[in-house]
């Protein structure tokens, strides 16, 4: 009889809660990501956007518009995909346009040590954003994905600057057409 009463109580409780939306359980990844996003301190030339709304923090876009260096004035959009095991696994970051850069290949892969072997759970989204931002201020020819761009930066910085400017306007380089990154 007691089990029947408890079952009826559970049915009444379930019926009362039926029109309420289910409470979404927060995982450790979501809690950490919420903290990382709330503590962001973006450089003034960076913006972040959540295309799926603020409820989906696992995917967002970053736009960098450098105000100095070889890439000054260009608009460089990136996508961030946060893995389910974040912060134990690094975010997956891709440049959404083709850019002539020693540390970014034409598929948009980014060569940044903290996104690979140097990732540690104590690092956060802010650290990654500043790392990518820094690549536009000071490209690193010693750890390249685009070996031709890295060699050109090392051996002939003036020609590298010329080619960066041309490709930012949508010109091709070595048979590869690059995306115009002004007013995209």
C-alpha atoms as a PDB file:
ATOM      1  CA  UNK A   1       0.000   0.000   0.000  1.00  0.00           C
ATOM      2  CA  UNK A   2       2.853   2.363   0.844  1.00  0.00           C
ATOM      3  CA  UNK A   3       4.436   1.752  -2.584  1.00  0.00           C
ATOM      4  CA  UNK A   4       1.117   2.603  -4.249  1.00  0.00           C
ATOM      5  CA  UNK A   5       0.895   5.894  -2.349  1.00  0.00           C
ATOM      6  CA  UNK A   6       4.487   6.786  -3.258  1.00  0.00           C
ATOM      7  CA  UNK A   7       3.817   5.913  -6.899  1.00  0.00           C
ATOM      8  CA  UNK A   8       0.738   8.172  -6.945  1.00  0.00           C
ATOM      9  CA  UNK A   9       2.744  10.995  -5.341  1.00  0.00           C
ATOM     10  CA  UNK A  10       5.421  10.627  -8.039  1.00  0.00           C
ATOM     11  CA  UNK A  11       2.731  10.708 -10.736  1.00  0.00           C
ATOM     12  CA  UNK A  12       1.225  13.897  -9.276  1.00  0.00           C
ATOM     13  CA  UNK A  13       4.697  15.468  -9.053  1.00  0.00           C
ATOM     14  CA  UNK A  14       5.489  14.465 -12.638  1.00  0.00           C
ATOM     15  CA  UNK A  15       2.165  15.913 -13.834  1.00  0.00           C
ATOM     16  CA  UNK A  16       2.813  19.180 -11.964  1.00  0.00           C
ATOM     17  CA  UNK A  17       6.259  19.482 -13.540  1.00  0.00           C
ATOM     18  CA  UNK A  18       5.148  18.404 -17.034  1.00  0.00           C
ATOM     19  CA  UNK A  19       4.628  21.968 -18.274  1.00  0.00           C
ATOM     20  CA  UNK A  20       7.938  23.179 -16.838  1.00  0.00           C
ATOM     21  CA  UNK A  21      10.990  22.953 -19.092  1.00  0.00           C
ATOM     22  CA  UNK A  22      13.472  20.312 -17.948  1.00  0.00           C
ATOM     23  CA  UNK A  23      16.409  21.622 -15.970  1.00  0.00           C
ATOM     24  CA  UNK A  24      19.540  21.266 -18.043  1.00  0.00           C
ATOM     25  CA  UNK A  25      22.276  19.521 -16.131  1.00  0.00           C
ATOM     26  CA  UNK A  26      25.526  21.470 -16.099  1.00  0.00           C
ATOM     27  CA  UNK A  27      28.648  19.471 -16.882  1.00  0.00           C
ATOM     28  CA  UNK A  28      32.103  20.408 -15.649  1.00  0.00           C
ATOM     29  CA  UNK A  29      32.937  21.454 -19.209  1.00  0.00           C
ATOM     30  CA  UNK A  30      29.961  23.835 -19.379  1.00  0.00           C
ATOM     31  CA  UNK A  31      30.716  25.326 -15.967  1.00  0.00           C
ATOM     32  CA  UNK A  32      34.361  25.923 -16.852  1.00  0.00           C
ATOM     33  CA  UNK A  33      33.422  27.365 -20.230  1.00  0.00           C
ATOM     34  CA  UNK A  34      30.866  29.718 -18.646  1.00  0.00           C
ATOM     35  CA  UNK A  35      33.572  30.963 -16.299  1.00  0.00           C
ATOM     36  CA  UNK A  36      36.099  31.375 -19.126  1.00  0.00           C
ATOM     37  CA  UNK A  37      33.618  33.345 -21.252  1.00  0.00           C
ATOM     38  CA  UNK A  38      32.507  35.544 -18.344  1.00  0.00           C
ATOM     39  CA  UNK A  39      36.162  36.383 -17.560  1.00  0.00           C
ATOM     40  CA  UNK A  40      37.144  37.234 -21.148  1.00  0.00           C
ATOM     41  CA  UNK A  41      39.318  40.306 -21.492  1.00  0.00           C
ATOM     42  CA  UNK A  42      39.473  40.704 -25.271  1.00  0.00           C
ATOM     43  CA  UNK A  43      41.927  42.984 -27.029  1.00  0.00           C
ATOM     44  CA  UNK A  44      40.085  46.005 -28.494  1.00  0.00           C
ATOM     45  CA  UNK A  45      40.608  44.622 -32.017  1.00  0.00           C
ATOM     46  CA  UNK A  46      38.834  41.319 -31.274  1.00  0.00           C
ATOM     47  CA  UNK A  47      35.142  40.480 -31.115  1.00  0.00           C
ATOM     48  CA  UNK A  48      33.372  37.280 -30.179  1.00  0.00           C
ATOM     49  CA  UNK A  49      29.984  36.104 -31.404  1.00  0.00           C
ATOM     50  CA  UNK A  50      27.795  33.124 -30.551  1.00  0.00           C
ATOM     51  CA  UNK A  51      25.993  32.180 -33.800  1.00  0.00           C
ATOM     52  CA  UNK A  52      23.786  29.604 -32.022  1.00  0.00           C
ATOM     53  CA  UNK A  53      22.919  32.004 -29.180  1.00  0.00           C
ATOM     54  CA  UNK A  54      24.429  32.517 -25.736  1.00  0.00           C
ATOM     55  CA  UNK A  55      23.090  29.130 -24.597  1.00  0.00           C
ATOM     56  CA  UNK A  56      25.522  27.294 -26.898  1.00  0.00           C
ATOM     57  CA  UNK A  57      28.981  28.175 -25.619  1.00  0.00           C
ATOM     58  CA  UNK A  58      30.538  25.108 -27.248  1.00  0.00           C
ATOM     59  CA  UNK A  59      30.776  26.894 -30.607  1.00  0.00           C
ATOM     60  CA  UNK A  60      31.604  30.526 -31.224  1.00  0.00           C
ATOM     61  CA  UNK A  61      33.302  32.834 -33.692  1.00  0.00           C
ATOM     62  CA  UNK A  62      36.182  35.211 -33.093  1.00  0.00           C
ATOM     63  CA  UNK A  63      37.039  38.095 -35.403  1.00  0.00           C
ATOM     64  CA  UNK A  64      40.457  39.745 -35.274  1.00  0.00           C
ATOM     65  CA  UNK A  65      41.151  43.078 -36.979  1.00  0.00           C
ATOM     66  CA  UNK A  66      44.850  43.829 -36.328  1.00  0.00           C
ATOM     67  CA  UNK A  67      45.690  47.503 -35.905  1.00  0.00           C
ATOM     68  CA  UNK A  68      49.407  47.075 -36.542  1.00  0.00           C
ATOM     69  CA  UNK A  69      51.861  44.785 -38.306  1.00  0.00           C
ATOM     70  CA  UNK A  70      51.755  43.010 -41.649  1.00  0.00           C
ATOM     71  CA  UNK A  71      48.044  42.208 -41.354  1.00  0.00           C
ATOM     72  CA  UNK A  72      46.858  45.654 -40.236  1.00  0.00           C
ATOM     73  CA  UNK A  73      43.278  46.402 -41.237  1.00  0.00           C
ATOM     74  CA  UNK A  74      42.418  42.882 -42.356  1.00  0.00           C
ATOM     75  CA  UNK A  75      39.375  41.079 -40.993  1.00  0.00           C
ATOM     76  CA  UNK A  76      40.172  37.535 -39.905  1.00  0.00           C
ATOM     77  CA  UNK A  77      37.287  35.332 -38.711  1.00  0.00           C
ATOM     78  CA  UNK A  78      37.923  32.149 -36.706  1.00  0.00           C
ATOM     79  CA  UNK A  79      35.629  29.409 -35.484  1.00  0.00           C
ATOM     80  CA  UNK A  80      36.076  27.789 -32.089  1.00  0.00           C
ATOM     81  CA  UNK A  81      34.712  24.332 -31.331  1.00  0.00           C
ATOM     82  CA  UNK A  82      34.997  23.353 -27.686  1.00  0.00           C
ATOM     83  CA  UNK A  83      35.488  19.597 -27.175  1.00  0.00           C
ATOM     84  CA  UNK A  84      33.395  17.692 -24.612  1.00  0.00           C
ATOM     85  CA  UNK A  85      36.490  17.086 -22.470  1.00  0.00           C
ATOM     86  CA  UNK A  86      37.491  20.775 -22.249  1.00  0.00           C
ATOM     87  CA  UNK A  87      39.595  21.945 -20.382  1.00  0.00           C
ATOM     88  CA  UNK A  88      41.523  18.675 -20.607  1.00  0.00           C
ATOM     89  CA  UNK A  89      41.423  18.906 -24.408  1.00  0.00           C
ATOM     90  CA  UNK A  90      42.283  22.102 -26.261  1.00  0.00           C
ATOM     91  CA  UNK A  91      39.661  23.980 -28.312  1.00  0.00           C
ATOM     92  CA  UNK A  92      39.597  23.306 -32.056  1.00  0.00           C
ATOM     93  CA  UNK A  93      40.256  26.561 -33.879  1.00  0.00           C
ATOM     94  CA  UNK A  94      40.003  27.228 -37.610  1.00  0.00           C
ATOM     95  CA  UNK A  95      40.491  30.360 -39.676  1.00  0.00           C
ATOM     96  CA  UNK A  96      37.376  30.753 -41.828  1.00  0.00           C
ATOM     97  CA  UNK A  97      39.187  32.385 -44.773  1.00  0.00           C
ATOM     98  CA  UNK A  98      42.349  31.648 -46.728  1.00  0.00           C
ATOM     99  CA  UNK A  99      45.157  33.846 -45.458  1.00  0.00           C
ATOM    100  CA  UNK A 100      48.832  33.983 -46.450  1.00  0.00           C
ATOM    101  CA  UNK A 101      50.400  33.433 -43.045  1.00  0.00           C
ATOM    102  CA  UNK A 102      53.325  31.306 -41.810  1.00  0.00           C
ATOM    103  CA  UNK A 103      51.241  29.863 -38.964  1.00  0.00           C
ATOM    104  CA  UNK A 104      47.914  29.313 -40.774  1.00  0.00           C
ATOM    105  CA  UNK A 105      47.542  26.947 -43.720  1.00  0.00           C
ATOM    106  CA  UNK A 106      45.105  27.370 -46.602  1.00  0.00           C
ATOM    107  CA  UNK A 107      42.639  24.964 -44.917  1.00  0.00           C
ATOM    108  CA  UNK A 108      42.470  27.323 -41.925  1.00  0.00           C
ATOM    109  CA  UNK A 109      44.454  25.194 -39.478  1.00  0.00           C
ATOM    110  CA  UNK A 110      46.299  27.261 -36.900  1.00  0.00           C
ATOM    111  CA  UNK A 111      49.791  26.416 -35.702  1.00  0.00           C
ATOM    112  CA  UNK A 112      49.861  27.590 -32.104  1.00  0.00           C
ATOM    113  CA  UNK A 113      51.716  25.500 -29.544  1.00  0.00           C
ATOM    114  CA  UNK A 114      49.059  25.932 -26.854  1.00  0.00           C
ATOM    115  CA  UNK A 115      46.498  24.353 -29.188  1.00  0.00           C
ATOM    116  CA  UNK A 116      48.682  21.260 -29.483  1.00  0.00           C
ATOM    117  CA  UNK A 117      51.451  19.859 -27.333  1.00  0.00           C
ATOM    118  CA  UNK A 118      51.612  22.740 -24.839  1.00  0.00           C
ATOM    119  CA  UNK A 119      47.917  22.708 -23.949  1.00  0.00           C
ATOM    120  CA  UNK A 120      47.250  22.400 -20.220  1.00  0.00           C
ATOM    121  CA  UNK A 121      43.907  22.526 -18.384  1.00  0.00           C
ATOM    122  CA  UNK A 122      45.007  25.684 -16.557  1.00  0.00           C
ATOM    123  CA  UNK A 123      44.949  27.551 -19.898  1.00  0.00           C
ATOM    124  CA  UNK A 124      41.685  29.141 -20.972  1.00  0.00           C
ATOM    125  CA  UNK A 125      39.854  30.676 -23.920  1.00  0.00           C
ATOM    126  CA  UNK A 126      41.357  34.100 -23.211  1.00  0.00           C
ATOM    127  CA  UNK A 127      44.869  32.620 -23.505  1.00  0.00           C
ATOM    128  CA  UNK A 128      44.023  31.051 -26.874  1.00  0.00           C
ATOM    129  CA  UNK A 129      42.537  34.293 -28.212  1.00  0.00           C
ATOM    130  CA  UNK A 130      45.616  36.271 -27.194  1.00  0.00           C
ATOM    131  CA  UNK A 131      47.838  33.598 -28.746  1.00  0.00           C
ATOM    132  CA  UNK A 132      46.059  33.859 -32.101  1.00  0.00           C
ATOM    133  CA  UNK A 133      45.996  37.652 -31.876  1.00  0.00           C
ATOM    134  CA  UNK A 134      49.749  37.638 -31.255  1.00  0.00           C
ATOM    135  CA  UNK A 135      50.318  35.567 -34.423  1.00  0.00           C
ATOM    136  CA  UNK A 136      48.992  38.500 -36.442  1.00  0.00           C
ATOM    137  CA  UNK A 137      51.230  40.992 -34.679  1.00  0.00           C
ATOM    138  CA  UNK A 138      54.334  38.790 -34.846  1.00  0.00           C
ATOM    139  CA  UNK A 139      54.071  35.788 -37.177  1.00  0.00           C
ATOM    140  CA  UNK A 140      56.374  32.951 -36.096  1.00  0.00           C
ATOM    141  CA  UNK A 141      58.471  31.626 -39.001  1.00  0.00           C
ATOM    142  CA  UNK A 142      60.139  29.058 -36.704  1.00  0.00           C
ATOM    143  CA  UNK A 143      56.970  26.962 -36.210  1.00  0.00           C
ATOM    144  CA  UNK A 144      55.172  27.148 -39.567  1.00  0.00           C
ATOM    145  CA  UNK A 145      52.283  25.425 -41.255  1.00  0.00           C
ATOM    146  CA  UNK A 146      52.887  27.417 -44.443  1.00  0.00           C
ATOM    147  CA  UNK A 147      56.604  26.762 -44.997  1.00  0.00           C
ATOM    148  CA  UNK A 148      56.837  29.011 -48.072  1.00  0.00           C
ATOM    149  CA  UNK A 149      55.432  31.999 -46.184  1.00  0.00           C
ATOM    150  CA  UNK A 150      57.756  31.278 -43.245  1.00  0.00           C
ATOM    151  CA  UNK A 151      60.831  31.078 -45.488  1.00  0.00           C
ATOM    152  CA  UNK A 152      59.832  34.298 -47.221  1.00  0.00           C
ATOM    153  CA  UNK A 153      59.327  36.077 -43.891  1.00  0.00           C
ATOM    154  CA  UNK A 154      62.771  34.934 -42.707  1.00  0.00           C
ATOM    155  CA  UNK A 155      64.643  35.566 -45.964  1.00  0.00           C
ATOM    156  CA  UNK A 156      62.885  38.567 -47.488  1.00  0.00           C
ATOM    157  CA  UNK A 157      60.578  40.448 -45.067  1.00  0.00           C
ATOM    158  CA  UNK A 158      59.884  43.231 -47.600  1.00  0.00           C
ATOM    159  CA  UNK A 159      58.647  40.755 -50.219  1.00  0.00           C
ATOM    160  CA  UNK A 160      56.664  38.940 -47.523  1.00  0.00           C
ATOM    161  CA  UNK A 161      54.945  42.221 -46.612  1.00  0.00           C
ATOM    162  CA  UNK A 162      54.202  42.878 -50.299  1.00  0.00           C
ATOM    163  CA  UNK A 163      52.711  39.398 -50.748  1.00  0.00           C
ATOM    164  CA  UNK A 164      50.673  39.636 -47.536  1.00  0.00           C
ATOM    165  CA  UNK A 165      49.160  42.914 -48.726  1.00  0.00           C
ATOM    166  CA  UNK A 166      48.407  41.499 -52.170  1.00  0.00           C
ATOM    167  CA  UNK A 167      46.782  38.353 -50.819  1.00  0.00           C
ATOM    168  CA  UNK A 168      44.744  40.402 -48.346  1.00  0.00           C
ATOM    169  CA  UNK A 169      43.245  42.096 -51.415  1.00  0.00           C
ATOM    170  CA  UNK A 170      42.346  38.700 -52.871  1.00  0.00           C
ATOM    171  CA  UNK A 171      45.312  38.126 -55.162  1.00  0.00           C
ATOM    172  CA  UNK A 172      46.763  34.692 -55.768  1.00  0.00           C
ATOM    173  CA  UNK A 173      50.165  33.515 -54.619  1.00  0.00           C
ATOM    174  CA  UNK A 174      51.842  30.439 -56.105  1.00  0.00           C
ATOM    175  CA  UNK A 175      48.583  29.348 -57.733  1.00  0.00           C
ATOM    176  CA  UNK A 176      46.499  29.698 -54.556  1.00  0.00           C
ATOM    177  CA  UNK A 177      43.735  32.283 -54.504  1.00  0.00           C
ATOM    178  CA  UNK A 178      43.359  33.987 -51.151  1.00  0.00           C
ATOM    179  CA  UNK A 179      40.232  35.521 -49.722  1.00  0.00           C
ATOM    180  CA  UNK A 180      39.912  39.272 -49.673  1.00  0.00           C
ATOM    181  CA  UNK A 181      39.986  40.173 -46.007  1.00  0.00           C
ATOM    182  CA  UNK A 182      39.058  43.836 -46.150  1.00  0.00           C
ATOM    183  CA  UNK A 183      35.341  44.502 -45.589  1.00  0.00           C
ATOM    184  CA  UNK A 184      34.373  40.842 -45.855  1.00  0.00           C
END
